[in-house]
Amino acid sequence: MTRSSRIVLILIGLIVAAVLILWAWAMVSLNFSYSEGERAGFLQKFSKRGWICKTWEGEILLTSMPGAIPEKFEFSVRDDAIAAQLSSAMGKRVTLSYAQHKGVPTQCFGESEYYVEKVVLQ
């Protein structure tokens, strides 16, 4: 084996190792949640966006007390069935069950670290 062919094999091995490490990191960060909870509010914005990786992204306005400035809660949706539910609930009050996943390596899985797992229309 020549020196140049060994260098090519080493470079290919390093690229494959880097891809495997990135894949393992993504799987761990998506399968273990940092926190879970529920948020209720009015669905203000919901769209599929992204240049290469299209993801469902949304925003609800959380209302605490009358007259108070509402807080925004931004979230991502990975399930198309949940996305269809949310699309039909635009402008309505919803309760979202979510899991927070910290450290997801790319935005191809969602722009937010909050992933909606269940929607209840109110």
PDB file of N, CA and C in Angstrom:
ATOM      1  N   MET A   1       0.847  -1.174   0.000  1.00  0.00           N
ATOM      2  CA  MET A   1       0.000   0.000   0.000  1.00  0.00           C
ATOM      3  C   MET A   1       0.898   1.245   0.000  1.00  0.00           C
ATOM      4  N   THR A   2       0.557   2.164  -0.872  1.00  0.00           N
ATOM      5  CA  THR A   2       1.370   3.371  -0.974  1.00  0.00           C
ATOM      6  C   THR A   2       0.990   4.377   0.103  1.00  0.00           C
ATOM      7  N   ARG A   3       1.864   5.325   0.259  1.00  0.00           N
ATOM      8  CA  ARG A   3       1.648   6.357   1.290  1.00  0.00           C
ATOM      9  C   ARG A   3       0.398   7.180   1.020  1.00  0.00           C
ATOM     10  N   SER A   4       0.152   7.534  -0.233  1.00  0.00           N
ATOM     11  CA  SER A   4      -1.017   8.358  -0.568  1.00  0.00           C
ATOM     12  C   SER A   4      -2.326   7.591  -0.353  1.00  0.00           C
ATOM     13  N   SER A   5      -2.333   6.289  -0.618  1.00  0.00           N
ATOM     14  CA  SER A   5      -3.554   5.508  -0.399  1.00  0.00           C
ATOM     15  C   SER A   5      -3.834   5.356   1.098  1.00  0.00           C
ATOM     16  N   ARG A   6      -2.783   5.269   1.927  1.00  0.00           N
ATOM     17  CA  ARG A   6      -2.973   5.216   3.381  1.00  0.00           C
ATOM     18  C   ARG A   6      -3.564   6.527   3.905  1.00  0.00           C
ATOM     19  N   ILE A   7      -3.082   7.648   3.383  1.00  0.00           N
ATOM     20  CA  ILE A   7      -3.598   8.955   3.801  1.00  0.00           C
ATOM     21  C   ILE A   7      -5.075   9.087   3.425  1.00  0.00           C
ATOM     22  N   VAL A   8      -5.447   8.633   2.232  1.00  0.00           N
ATOM     23  CA  VAL A   8      -6.843   8.682   1.799  1.00  0.00           C
ATOM     24  C   VAL A   8      -7.709   7.816   2.723  1.00  0.00           C
ATOM     25  N   LEU A   9      -7.241   6.621   3.066  1.00  0.00           N
ATOM     26  CA  LEU A   9      -8.000   5.743   3.963  1.00  0.00           C
ATOM     27  C   LEU A   9      -8.154   6.357   5.354  1.00  0.00           C
ATOM     28  N   ILE A  10      -7.121   6.993   5.841  1.00  0.00           N
ATOM     29  CA  ILE A  10      -7.193   7.652   7.157  1.00  0.00           C
ATOM     30  C   ILE A  10      -8.202   8.798   7.108  1.00  0.00           C
ATOM     31  N   LEU A  11      -8.177   9.608   6.043  1.00  0.00           N
ATOM     32  CA  LEU A  11      -9.131  10.701   5.911  1.00  0.00           C
ATOM     33  C   LEU A  11     -10.571  10.193   5.821  1.00  0.00           C
ATOM     34  N   ILE A  12     -10.800   9.134   5.075  1.00  0.00           N
ATOM     35  CA  ILE A  12     -12.136   8.548   4.982  1.00  0.00           C
ATOM     36  C   ILE A  12     -12.579   8.029   6.346  1.00  0.00           C
ATOM     37  N   GLY A  13     -11.657   7.387   7.053  1.00  0.00           N
ATOM     38  CA  GLY A  13     -11.978   6.889   8.392  1.00  0.00           C
ATOM     39  C   GLY A  13     -12.336   8.011   9.350  1.00  0.00           C
ATOM     40  N   LEU A  14     -11.621   9.142   9.285  1.00  0.00           N
ATOM     41  CA  LEU A  14     -11.927  10.284  10.140  1.00  0.00           C
ATOM     42  C   LEU A  14     -13.294  10.892   9.811  1.00  0.00           C
ATOM     43  N   ILE A  15     -13.615  10.967   8.526  1.00  0.00           N
ATOM     44  CA  ILE A  15     -14.918  11.505   8.123  1.00  0.00           C
ATOM     45  C   ILE A  15     -16.041  10.594   8.601  1.00  0.00           C
ATOM     46  N   VAL A  16     -15.874   9.293   8.434  1.00  0.00           N
ATOM     47  CA  VAL A  16     -16.889   8.333   8.897  1.00  0.00           C
ATOM     48  C   VAL A  16     -17.036   8.409  10.416  1.00  0.00           C
ATOM     49  N   ALA A  17     -15.945   8.529  11.133  1.00  0.00           N
ATOM     50  CA  ALA A  17     -16.008   8.644  12.602  1.00  0.00           C
ATOM     51  C   ALA A  17     -16.738   9.922  13.017  1.00  0.00           C
ATOM     52  N   ALA A  18     -16.464  11.028  12.334  1.00  0.00           N
ATOM     53  CA  ALA A  18     -17.134  12.293  12.666  1.00  0.00           C
ATOM     54  C   ALA A  18     -18.638  12.202  12.412  1.00  0.00           C
ATOM     55  N   VAL A  19     -19.035  11.580  11.309  1.00  0.00           N
ATOM     56  CA  VAL A  19     -20.455  11.414  11.002  1.00  0.00           C
ATOM     57  C   VAL A  19     -21.127  10.522  12.043  1.00  0.00           C
ATOM     58  N   LEU A  20     -20.472   9.452  12.452  1.00  0.00           N
ATOM     59  CA  LEU A  20     -21.036   8.553  13.474  1.00  0.00           C
ATOM     60  C   LEU A  20     -21.175   9.258  14.826  1.00  0.00           C
ATOM     61  N   ILE A  21     -20.209  10.075  15.180  1.00  0.00           N
ATOM     62  CA  ILE A  21     -20.282  10.821  16.451  1.00  0.00           C
ATOM     63  C   ILE A  21     -21.432  11.826  16.399  1.00  0.00           C
ATOM     64  N   LEU A  22     -21.588  12.540  15.275  1.00  0.00           N
ATOM     65  CA  LEU A  22     -22.687  13.483  15.127  1.00  0.00           C
ATOM     66  C   LEU A  22     -24.036  12.770  15.186  1.00  0.00           C
ATOM     67  N   TRP A  23     -24.155  11.629  14.539  1.00  0.00           N
ATOM     68  CA  TRP A  23     -25.393  10.843  14.557  1.00  0.00           C
ATOM     69  C   TRP A  23     -25.703  10.379  15.979  1.00  0.00           C
ATOM     70  N   ALA A  24     -24.715   9.857  16.696  1.00  0.00           N
ATOM     71  CA  ALA A  24     -24.926   9.393  18.072  1.00  0.00           C
ATOM     72  C   ALA A  24     -25.348  10.549  18.976  1.00  0.00           C
ATOM     73  N   TRP A  25     -24.723  11.706  18.824  1.00  0.00           N
ATOM     74  CA  TRP A  25     -25.063  12.893  19.606  1.00  0.00           C
ATOM     75  C   TRP A  25     -26.517  13.301  19.353  1.00  0.00           C
ATOM     76  N   ALA A  26     -26.926  13.292  18.080  1.00  0.00           N
ATOM     77  CA  ALA A  26     -28.306  13.655  17.736  1.00  0.00           C
ATOM     78  C   ALA A  26     -29.290  12.667  18.344  1.00  0.00           C
ATOM     79  N   MET A  27     -29.009  11.383  18.268  1.00  0.00           N
ATOM     80  CA  MET A  27     -29.923  10.369  18.806  1.00  0.00           C
ATOM     81  C   MET A  27     -30.050  10.477  20.329  1.00  0.00           C
ATOM     82  N   VAL A  28     -28.953  10.707  21.001  1.00  0.00           N
ATOM     83  CA  VAL A  28     -29.008  10.851  22.463  1.00  0.00           C
ATOM     84  C   VAL A  28     -29.780  12.098  22.848  1.00  0.00           C
ATOM     85  N   SER A  29     -29.499  13.223  22.198  1.00  0.00           N
ATOM     86  CA  SER A  29     -30.173  14.472  22.571  1.00  0.00           C
ATOM     87  C   SER A  29     -31.654  14.444  22.230  1.00  0.00           C
ATOM     88  N   LEU A  30     -32.074  13.704  21.209  1.00  0.00           N
ATOM     89  CA  LEU A  30     -33.489  13.641  20.840  1.00  0.00           C
ATOM     90  C   LEU A  30     -34.269  12.589  21.625  1.00  0.00           C
ATOM     91  N   ASN A  31     -33.594  11.616  22.203  1.00  0.00           N
ATOM     92  CA  ASN A  31     -34.294  10.548  22.915  1.00  0.00           C
ATOM     93  C   ASN A  31     -34.329  10.733  24.426  1.00  0.00           C
ATOM     94  N   PHE A  32     -33.582  11.672  24.964  1.00  0.00           N
ATOM     95  CA  PHE A  32     -33.602  11.948  26.396  1.00  0.00           C
ATOM     96  C   PHE A  32     -33.989  13.403  26.600  1.00  0.00           C
ATOM     97  N   SER A  33     -35.082  13.609  27.335  1.00  0.00           N
ATOM     98  CA  SER A  33     -35.546  14.992  27.509  1.00  0.00           C
ATOM     99  C   SER A  33     -34.980  15.590  28.788  1.00  0.00           C
ATOM    100  N   TYR A  34     -34.682  16.859  28.720  1.00  0.00           N
ATOM    101  CA  TYR A  34     -34.180  17.612  29.865  1.00  0.00           C
ATOM    102  C   TYR A  34     -35.331  17.951  30.802  1.00  0.00           C
ATOM    103  N   SER A  35     -36.466  18.342  30.212  1.00  0.00           N
ATOM    104  CA  SER A  35     -37.655  18.631  31.012  1.00  0.00           C
ATOM    105  C   SER A  35     -38.888  18.351  30.179  1.00  0.00           C
ATOM    106  N   GLU A  36     -40.009  18.195  30.865  1.00  0.00           N
ATOM    107  CA  GLU A  36     -41.291  17.981  30.211  1.00  0.00           C
ATOM    108  C   GLU A  36     -42.315  18.864  30.893  1.00  0.00           C
ATOM    109  N   GLY A  37     -43.356  19.263  30.164  1.00  0.00           N
ATOM    110  CA  GLY A  37     -44.370  20.091  30.782  1.00  0.00           C
ATOM    111  C   GLY A  37     -45.496  20.416  29.835  1.00  0.00           C
ATOM    112  N   GLU A  38     -46.334  21.342  30.275  1.00  0.00           N
ATOM    113  CA  GLU A  38     -47.464  21.798  29.475  1.00  0.00           C
ATOM    114  C   GLU A  38     -47.521  23.313  29.496  1.00  0.00           C
ATOM    115  N   ARG A  39     -47.959  23.879  28.399  1.00  0.00           N
ATOM    116  CA  ARG A  39     -48.177  25.316  28.295  1.00  0.00           C
ATOM    117  C   ARG A  39     -49.513  25.526  27.602  1.00  0.00           C
ATOM    118  N   ALA A  40     -50.259  26.524  28.046  1.00  0.00           N
ATOM    119  CA  ALA A  40     -51.549  26.845  27.438  1.00  0.00           C
ATOM    120  C   ALA A  40     -51.537  28.289  26.972  1.00  0.00           C
ATOM    121  N   GLY A  41     -52.144  28.522  25.841  1.00  0.00           N
ATOM    122  CA  GLY A  41     -52.221  29.871  25.309  1.00  0.00           C
ATOM    123  C   GLY A  41     -52.893  29.877  23.953  1.00  0.00           C
ATOM    124  N   PHE A  42     -52.854  31.021  23.302  1.00  0.00           N
ATOM    125  CA  PHE A  42     -53.477  31.187  21.998  1.00  0.00           C
ATOM    126  C   PHE A  42     -52.445  30.998  20.907  1.00  0.00           C
ATOM    127  N   LEU A  43     -52.747  30.102  19.964  1.00  0.00           N
ATOM    128  CA  LEU A  43     -51.834  29.823  18.857  1.00  0.00           C
ATOM    129  C   LEU A  43     -51.790  31.028  17.933  1.00  0.00           C
ATOM    130  N   GLN A  44     -50.630  31.668  17.883  1.00  0.00           N
ATOM    131  CA  GLN A  44     -50.476  32.898  17.123  1.00  0.00           C
ATOM    132  C   GLN A  44     -49.816  32.658  15.775  1.00  0.00           C
ATOM    133  N   LYS A  45     -48.821  31.774  15.732  1.00  0.00           N
ATOM    134  CA  LYS A  45     -48.046  31.579  14.515  1.00  0.00           C
ATOM    135  C   LYS A  45     -47.710  30.100  14.387  1.00  0.00           C
ATOM    136  N   PHE A  46     -47.847  29.558  13.170  1.00  0.00           N
ATOM    137  CA  PHE A  46     -47.465  28.170  12.924  1.00  0.00           C
ATOM    138  C   PHE A  46     -47.127  28.028  11.450  1.00  0.00           C
ATOM    139  N   SER A  47     -45.918  27.580  11.149  1.00  0.00           N
ATOM    140  CA  SER A  47     -45.503  27.468   9.754  1.00  0.00           C
ATOM    141  C   SER A  47     -44.413  26.424   9.602  1.00  0.00           C
ATOM    142  N   LYS A  48     -44.272  25.964   8.363  1.00  0.00           N
ATOM    143  CA  LYS A  48     -43.186  25.049   8.008  1.00  0.00           C
ATOM    144  C   LYS A  48     -42.115  25.898   7.355  1.00  0.00           C
ATOM    145  N   ARG A  49     -40.906  25.886   7.926  1.00  0.00           N
ATOM    146  CA  ARG A  49     -39.878  26.767   7.395  1.00  0.00           C
ATOM    147  C   ARG A  49     -38.502  26.122   7.427  1.00  0.00           C
ATOM    148  N   GLY A  50     -37.585  26.736   6.707  1.00  0.00           N
ATOM    149  CA  GLY A  50     -36.208  26.268   6.624  1.00  0.00           C
ATOM    150  C   GLY A  50     -35.728  26.255   5.190  1.00  0.00           C
ATOM    151  N   TRP A  51     -34.423  26.428   5.005  1.00  0.00           N
ATOM    152  CA  TRP A  51     -33.848  26.415   3.663  1.00  0.00           C
ATOM    153  C   TRP A  51     -33.718  25.000   3.125  1.00  0.00           C
ATOM    154  N   ILE A  52     -33.047  24.163   3.865  1.00  0.00           N
ATOM    155  CA  ILE A  52     -32.818  22.786   3.418  1.00  0.00           C
ATOM    156  C   ILE A  52     -33.708  21.830   4.200  1.00  0.00           C
ATOM    157  N   CYS A  53     -33.652  21.910   5.506  1.00  0.00           N
ATOM    158  CA  CYS A  53     -34.462  21.065   6.381  1.00  0.00           C
ATOM    159  C   CYS A  53     -35.727  21.830   6.755  1.00  0.00           C
ATOM    160  N   LYS A  54     -36.863  21.401   6.244  1.00  0.00           N
ATOM    161  CA  LYS A  54     -38.138  22.048   6.556  1.00  0.00           C
ATOM    162  C   LYS A  54     -38.659  21.498   7.878  1.00  0.00           C
ATOM    163  N   THR A  55     -38.921  22.399   8.822  1.00  0.00           N
ATOM    164  CA  THR A  55     -39.443  21.995  10.123  1.00  0.00           C
ATOM    165  C   THR A  55     -40.676  22.825  10.460  1.00  0.00           C
ATOM    166  N   TRP A  56     -41.572  22.248  11.258  1.00  0.00           N
ATOM    167  CA  TRP A  56     -42.758  22.954  11.722  1.00  0.00           C
ATOM    168  C   TRP A  56     -42.387  23.748  12.953  1.00  0.00           C
ATOM    169  N   GLU A  57     -42.632  25.059  12.914  1.00  0.00           N
ATOM    170  CA  GLU A  57     -42.308  25.957  14.015  1.00  0.00           C
ATOM    171  C   GLU A  57     -43.544  26.768  14.379  1.00  0.00           C
ATOM    172  N   GLY A  58     -43.748  26.987  15.669  1.00  0.00           N
ATOM    173  CA  GLY A  58     -44.922  27.727  16.086  1.00  0.00           C
ATOM    174  C   GLY A  58     -44.664  28.593  17.298  1.00  0.00           C
ATOM    175  N   GLU A  59     -45.713  29.342  17.651  1.00  0.00           N
ATOM    176  CA  GLU A  59     -45.613  30.279  18.766  1.00  0.00           C
ATOM    177  C   GLU A  59     -47.004  30.443  19.374  1.00  0.00           C
ATOM    178  N   ILE A  60     -47.079  30.339  20.698  1.00  0.00           N
ATOM    179  CA  ILE A  60     -48.333  30.636  21.385  1.00  0.00           C
ATOM    180  C   ILE A  60     -48.102  31.806  22.330  1.00  0.00           C
ATOM    181  N   LEU A  61     -49.170  32.538  22.582  1.00  0.00           N
ATOM    182  CA  LEU A  61     -49.128  33.624  23.556  1.00  0.00           C
ATOM    183  C   LEU A  61     -49.687  33.100  24.862  1.00  0.00           C
ATOM    184  N   LEU A  62     -48.871  33.133  25.900  1.00  0.00           N
ATOM    185  CA  LEU A  62     -49.284  32.679  27.218  1.00  0.00           C
ATOM    186  C   LEU A  62     -49.943  33.843  27.942  1.00  0.00           C
ATOM    187  N   THR A  63     -51.121  33.628  28.432  1.00  0.00           N
ATOM    188  CA  THR A  63     -51.819  34.687  29.169  1.00  0.00           C
ATOM    189  C   THR A  63     -51.875  34.309  30.642  1.00  0.00           C
ATOM    190  N   SER A  64     -51.403  35.197  31.486  1.00  0.00           N
ATOM    191  CA  SER A  64     -51.387  34.913  32.920  1.00  0.00           C
ATOM    192  C   SER A  64     -52.508  35.651  33.638  1.00  0.00           C
ATOM    193  N   MET A  65     -52.572  36.956  33.474  1.00  0.00           N
ATOM    194  CA  MET A  65     -53.605  37.773  34.115  1.00  0.00           C
ATOM    195  C   MET A  65     -54.136  38.777  33.099  1.00  0.00           C
ATOM    196  N   PRO A  66     -55.404  39.154  33.255  1.00  0.00           N
ATOM    197  CA  PRO A  66     -55.934  40.178  32.340  1.00  0.00           C
ATOM    198  C   PRO A  66     -55.143  41.475  32.474  1.00  0.00           C
ATOM    199  N   GLY A  67     -54.811  42.068  31.347  1.00  0.00           N
ATOM    200  CA  GLY A  67     -54.068  43.321  31.339  1.00  0.00           C
ATOM    201  C   GLY A  67     -52.559  43.150  31.340  1.00  0.00           C
ATOM    202  N   ALA A  68     -52.069  41.939  31.621  1.00  0.00           N
ATOM    203  CA  ALA A  68     -50.623  41.698  31.627  1.00  0.00           C
ATOM    204  C   ALA A  68     -50.130  41.482  30.198  1.00  0.00           C
ATOM    205  N   ILE A  69     -48.884  41.803  29.957  1.00  0.00           N
ATOM    206  CA  ILE A  69     -48.290  41.584  28.642  1.00  0.00           C
ATOM    207  C   ILE A  69     -48.064  40.084  28.467  1.00  0.00           C
ATOM    208  N   PRO A  70     -48.615  39.488  27.392  1.00  0.00           N
ATOM    209  CA  PRO A  70     -48.462  38.047  27.211  1.00  0.00           C
ATOM    210  C   PRO A  70     -47.015  37.663  26.864  1.00  0.00           C
ATOM    211  N   GLU A  71     -46.624  36.516  27.338  1.00  0.00           N
ATOM    212  CA  GLU A  71     -45.303  35.966  27.045  1.00  0.00           C
ATOM    213  C   GLU A  71     -45.431  35.020  25.861  1.00  0.00           C
ATOM    214  N   LYS A  72     -44.411  34.996  24.987  1.00  0.00           N
ATOM    215  CA  LYS A  72     -44.413  34.103  23.828  1.00  0.00           C
ATOM    216  C   LYS A  72     -43.706  32.799  24.191  1.00  0.00           C
ATOM    217  N   PHE A  73     -44.239  31.695  23.694  1.00  0.00           N
ATOM    218  CA  PHE A  73     -43.604  30.389  23.850  1.00  0.00           C
ATOM    219  C   PHE A  73     -43.409  29.822  22.451  1.00  0.00           C
ATOM    220  N   GLU A  74     -42.142  29.680  22.043  1.00  0.00           N
ATOM    221  CA  GLU A  74     -41.817  29.154  20.722  1.00  0.00           C
ATOM    222  C   GLU A  74     -41.552  27.668  20.833  1.00  0.00           C
ATOM    223  N   PHE A  75     -42.011  26.906  19.832  1.00  0.00           N
ATOM    224  CA  PHE A  75     -41.900  25.445  19.871  1.00  0.00           C
ATOM    225  C   PHE A  75     -41.703  24.884  18.474  1.00  0.00           C
ATOM    226  N   SER A  76     -41.284  23.622  18.433  1.00  0.00           N
ATOM    227  CA  SER A  76     -41.118  22.886  17.184  1.00  0.00           C
ATOM    228  C   SER A  76     -42.004  21.648  17.230  1.00  0.00           C
ATOM    229  N   VAL A  77     -42.391  21.167  16.053  1.00  0.00           N
ATOM    230  CA  VAL A  77     -43.215  19.964  15.939  1.00  0.00           C
ATOM    231  C   VAL A  77     -42.545  19.024  14.950  1.00  0.00           C
ATOM    232  N   ARG A  78     -42.360  17.768  15.349  1.00  0.00           N
ATOM    233  CA  ARG A  78     -41.735  16.782  14.465  1.00  0.00           C
ATOM    234  C   ARG A  78     -42.753  15.834  13.851  1.00  0.00           C
ATOM    235  N   ASP A  79     -43.961  15.753  14.414  1.00  0.00           N
ATOM    236  CA  ASP A  79     -44.995  14.813  13.965  1.00  0.00           C
ATOM    237  C   ASP A  79     -45.992  15.531  13.059  1.00  0.00           C
ATOM    238  N   ASP A  80     -46.212  14.998  11.844  1.00  0.00           N
ATOM    239  CA  ASP A  80     -47.125  15.636  10.893  1.00  0.00           C
ATOM    240  C   ASP A  80     -48.572  15.622  11.372  1.00  0.00           C
ATOM    241  N   ALA A  81     -48.985  14.616  12.148  1.00  0.00           N
ATOM    242  CA  ALA A  81     -50.357  14.570  12.662  1.00  0.00           C
ATOM    243  C   ALA A  81     -50.589  15.706  13.660  1.00  0.00           C
ATOM    244  N   ILE A  82     -49.619  15.976  14.505  1.00  0.00           N
ATOM    245  CA  ILE A  82     -49.723  17.091  15.447  1.00  0.00           C
ATOM    246  C   ILE A  82     -49.693  18.411  14.688  1.00  0.00           C
ATOM    247  N   ALA A  83     -48.882  18.489  13.641  1.00  0.00           N
ATOM    248  CA  ALA A  83     -48.824  19.707  12.822  1.00  0.00           C
ATOM    249  C   ALA A  83     -50.182  19.985  12.176  1.00  0.00           C
ATOM    250  N   ALA A  84     -50.878  18.949  11.732  1.00  0.00           N
ATOM    251  CA  ALA A  84     -52.199  19.126  11.128  1.00  0.00           C
ATOM    252  C   ALA A  84     -53.202  19.634  12.169  1.00  0.00           C
ATOM    253  N   GLN A  85     -53.125  19.104  13.390  1.00  0.00           N
ATOM    254  CA  GLN A  85     -54.002  19.575  14.468  1.00  0.00           C
ATOM    255  C   GLN A  85     -53.762  21.061  14.737  1.00  0.00           C
ATOM    256  N   LEU A  86     -52.506  21.440  14.823  1.00  0.00           N
ATOM    257  CA  LEU A  86     -52.177  22.834  15.114  1.00  0.00           C
ATOM    258  C   LEU A  86     -52.566  23.766  13.965  1.00  0.00           C
ATOM    259  N   SER A  87     -52.421  23.314  12.731  1.00  0.00           N
ATOM    260  CA  SER A  87     -52.795  24.141  11.588  1.00  0.00           C
ATOM    261  C   SER A  87     -54.282  24.474  11.622  1.00  0.00           C
ATOM    262  N   SER A  88     -55.099  23.524  12.068  1.00  0.00           N
ATOM    263  CA  SER A  88     -56.539  23.766  12.120  1.00  0.00           C
ATOM    264  C   SER A  88     -56.950  24.560  13.357  1.00  0.00           C
ATOM    265  N   ALA A  89     -56.042  24.766  14.305  1.00  0.00           N
ATOM    266  CA  ALA A  89     -56.364  25.466  15.548  1.00  0.00           C
ATOM    267  C   ALA A  89     -55.840  26.897  15.578  1.00  0.00           C
ATOM    268  N   MET A  90     -55.513  27.445  14.446  1.00  0.00           N
ATOM    269  CA  MET A  90     -54.942  28.787  14.397  1.00  0.00           C
ATOM    270  C   MET A  90     -55.860  29.810  15.057  1.00  0.00           C
ATOM    271  N   GLY A  91     -55.321  30.607  15.971  1.00  0.00           N
ATOM    272  CA  GLY A  91     -56.072  31.636  16.661  1.00  0.00           C
ATOM    273  C   GLY A  91     -56.873  31.145  17.847  1.00  0.00           C
ATOM    274  N   LYS A  92     -56.867  29.839  18.073  1.00  0.00           N
ATOM    275  CA  LYS A  92     -57.644  29.261  19.179  1.00  0.00           C
ATOM    276  C   LYS A  92     -56.740  28.993  20.380  1.00  0.00           C
ATOM    277  N   ARG A  93     -57.377  28.753  21.522  1.00  0.00           N
ATOM    278  CA  ARG A  93     -56.637  28.413  22.740  1.00  0.00           C
ATOM    279  C   ARG A  93     -56.294  26.927  22.707  1.00  0.00           C
ATOM    280  N   VAL A  94     -55.026  26.611  22.968  1.00  0.00           N
ATOM    281  CA  VAL A  94     -54.553  25.228  22.953  1.00  0.00           C
ATOM    282  C   VAL A  94     -53.705  24.970  24.195  1.00  0.00           C
ATOM    283  N   THR A  95     -53.624  23.707  24.576  1.00  0.00           N
ATOM    284  CA  THR A  95     -52.689  23.266  25.608  1.00  0.00           C
ATOM    285  C   THR A  95     -51.689  22.338  24.934  1.00  0.00           C
ATOM    286  N   LEU A  96     -50.410  22.641  25.073  1.00  0.00           N
ATOM    287  CA  LEU A  96     -49.347  21.867  24.442  1.00  0.00           C
ATOM    288  C   LEU A  96     -48.587  21.080  25.503  1.00  0.00           C
ATOM    289  N   SER A  97     -48.433  19.784  25.284  1.00  0.00           N
ATOM    290  CA  SER A  97     -47.527  18.971  26.102  1.00  0.00           C
ATOM    291  C   SER A  97     -46.222  18.886  25.329  1.00  0.00           C
ATOM    292  N   TYR A  98     -45.119  19.186  26.000  1.00  0.00           N
ATOM    293  CA  TYR A  98     -43.844  19.261  25.288  1.00  0.00           C
ATOM    294  C   TYR A  98     -42.736  18.579  26.080  1.00  0.00           C
ATOM    295  N   ALA A  99     -41.652  18.303  25.374  1.00  0.00           N
ATOM    296  CA  ALA A  99     -40.410  17.828  25.986  1.00  0.00           C
ATOM    297  C   ALA A  99     -39.303  18.761  25.521  1.00  0.00           C
ATOM    298  N   GLN A 100     -38.434  19.133  26.456  1.00  0.00           N
ATOM    299  CA  GLN A 100     -37.316  20.014  26.124  1.00  0.00           C
ATOM    300  C   GLN A 100     -36.080  19.154  25.890  1.00  0.00           C
ATOM    301  N   HIS A 101     -35.475  19.329  24.726  1.00  0.00           N
ATOM    302  CA  HIS A 101     -34.267  18.580  24.354  1.00  0.00           C
ATOM    303  C   HIS A 101     -33.131  19.572  24.152  1.00  0.00           C
ATOM    304  N   LYS A 102     -32.197  19.577  25.077  1.00  0.00           N
ATOM    305  CA  LYS A 102     -31.042  20.483  24.987  1.00  0.00           C
ATOM    306  C   LYS A 102     -29.933  19.832  24.173  1.00  0.00           C
ATOM    307  N   GLY A 103     -29.196  20.657  23.445  1.00  0.00           N
ATOM    308  CA  GLY A 103     -28.000  20.191  22.751  1.00  0.00           C
ATOM    309  C   GLY A 103     -28.237  19.449  21.463  1.00  0.00           C
ATOM    310  N   VAL A 104     -29.387  19.622  20.820  1.00  0.00           N
ATOM    311  CA  VAL A 104     -29.615  18.985  19.520  1.00  0.00           C
ATOM    312  C   VAL A 104     -28.652  19.631  18.526  1.00  0.00           C
ATOM    313  N   PRO A 105     -27.858  18.820  17.799  1.00  0.00           N
ATOM    314  CA  PRO A 105     -26.732  19.363  17.030  1.00  0.00           C
ATOM    315  C   PRO A 105     -27.078  20.256  15.838  1.00  0.00           C
ATOM    316  N   THR A 106     -28.215  20.067  15.185  1.00  0.00           N
ATOM    317  CA  THR A 106     -28.539  20.906  14.037  1.00  0.00           C
ATOM    318  C   THR A 106     -29.983  21.376  14.138  1.00  0.00           C
ATOM    319  N   GLN A 107     -30.336  22.352  13.312  1.00  0.00           N
ATOM    320  CA  GLN A 107     -31.712  22.831  13.267  1.00  0.00           C
ATOM    321  C   GLN A 107     -32.574  22.003  12.330  1.00  0.00           C
ATOM    322  N   CYS A 108     -32.044  20.916  11.801  1.00  0.00           N
ATOM    323  CA  CYS A 108     -32.831  20.038  10.929  1.00  0.00           C
ATOM    324  C   CYS A 108     -33.916  19.295  11.716  1.00  0.00           C
ATOM    325  N   PHE A 109     -33.823  19.257  13.028  1.00  0.00           N
ATOM    326  CA  PHE A 109     -34.824  18.602  13.857  1.00  0.00           C
ATOM    327  C   PHE A 109     -35.810  19.608  14.434  1.00  0.00           C
ATOM    328  N   GLY A 110     -35.523  20.883  14.331  1.00  0.00           N
ATOM    329  CA  GLY A 110     -36.383  21.939  14.843  1.00  0.00           C
ATOM    330  C   GLY A 110     -35.535  23.102  15.316  1.00  0.00           C
ATOM    331  N   GLU A 111     -36.062  24.311  15.166  1.00  0.00           N
ATOM    332  CA  GLU A 111     -35.306  25.502  15.553  1.00  0.00           C
ATOM    333  C   GLU A 111     -35.354  25.757  17.054  1.00  0.00           C
ATOM    334  N   SER A 112     -36.369  25.239  17.716  1.00  0.00           N
ATOM    335  CA  SER A 112     -36.535  25.433  19.152  1.00  0.00           C
ATOM    336  C   SER A 112     -36.064  24.177  19.881  1.00  0.00           C
ATOM    337  N   GLU A 113     -35.817  24.304  21.172  1.00  0.00           N
ATOM    338  CA  GLU A 113     -35.471  23.108  21.951  1.00  0.00           C
ATOM    339  C   GLU A 113     -36.701  22.496  22.612  1.00  0.00           C
ATOM    340  N   TYR A 114     -37.884  23.075  22.352  1.00  0.00           N
ATOM    341  CA  TYR A 114     -39.146  22.567  22.891  1.00  0.00           C
ATOM    342  C   TYR A 114     -39.912  21.859  21.775  1.00  0.00           C
ATOM    343  N   TYR A 115     -40.127  20.547  21.933  1.00  0.00           N
ATOM    344  CA  TYR A 115     -40.791  19.732  20.925  1.00  0.00           C
ATOM    345  C   TYR A 115     -42.155  19.294  21.438  1.00  0.00           C
ATOM    346  N   VAL A 116     -43.214  19.690  20.709  1.00  0.00           N
ATOM    347  CA  VAL A 116     -44.569  19.375  21.115  1.00  0.00           C
ATOM    348  C   VAL A 116     -44.858  17.902  20.848  1.00  0.00           C
ATOM    349  N   GLU A 117     -45.434  17.228  21.846  1.00  0.00           N
ATOM    350  CA  GLU A 117     -45.762  15.811  21.734  1.00  0.00           C
ATOM    351  C   GLU A 117     -47.267  15.551  21.732  1.00  0.00           C
ATOM    352  N   LYS A 118     -48.057  16.538  22.207  1.00  0.00           N
ATOM    353  CA  LYS A 118     -49.505  16.363  22.286  1.00  0.00           C
ATOM    354  C   LYS A 118     -50.174  17.727  22.287  1.00  0.00           C
ATOM    355  N   VAL A 119     -51.345  17.811  21.644  1.00  0.00           N
ATOM    356  CA  VAL A 119     -52.113  19.060  21.581  1.00  0.00           C
ATOM    357  C   VAL A 119     -53.525  18.789  22.066  1.00  0.00           C
ATOM    358  N   VAL A 120     -54.030  19.669  22.927  1.00  0.00           N
ATOM    359  CA  VAL A 120     -55.426  19.618  23.354  1.00  0.00           C
ATOM    360  C   VAL A 120     -56.058  20.955  23.006  1.00  0.00           C
ATOM    361  N   LEU A 121     -57.118  20.923  22.196  1.00  0.00           N
ATOM    362  CA  LEU A 121     -57.829  22.140  21.829  1.00  0.00           C
ATOM    363  C   LEU A 121     -58.812  22.479  22.943  1.00  0.00           C
ATOM    364  N   GLN A 122     -58.923  23.757  23.255  1.00  0.00           N
ATOM    365  CA  GLN A 122     -59.829  24.176  24.334  1.00  0.00           C
ATOM    366  C   GLN A 122     -60.979  24.983  23.791  1.00  0.00           C
TER     367      GLN A 122
END
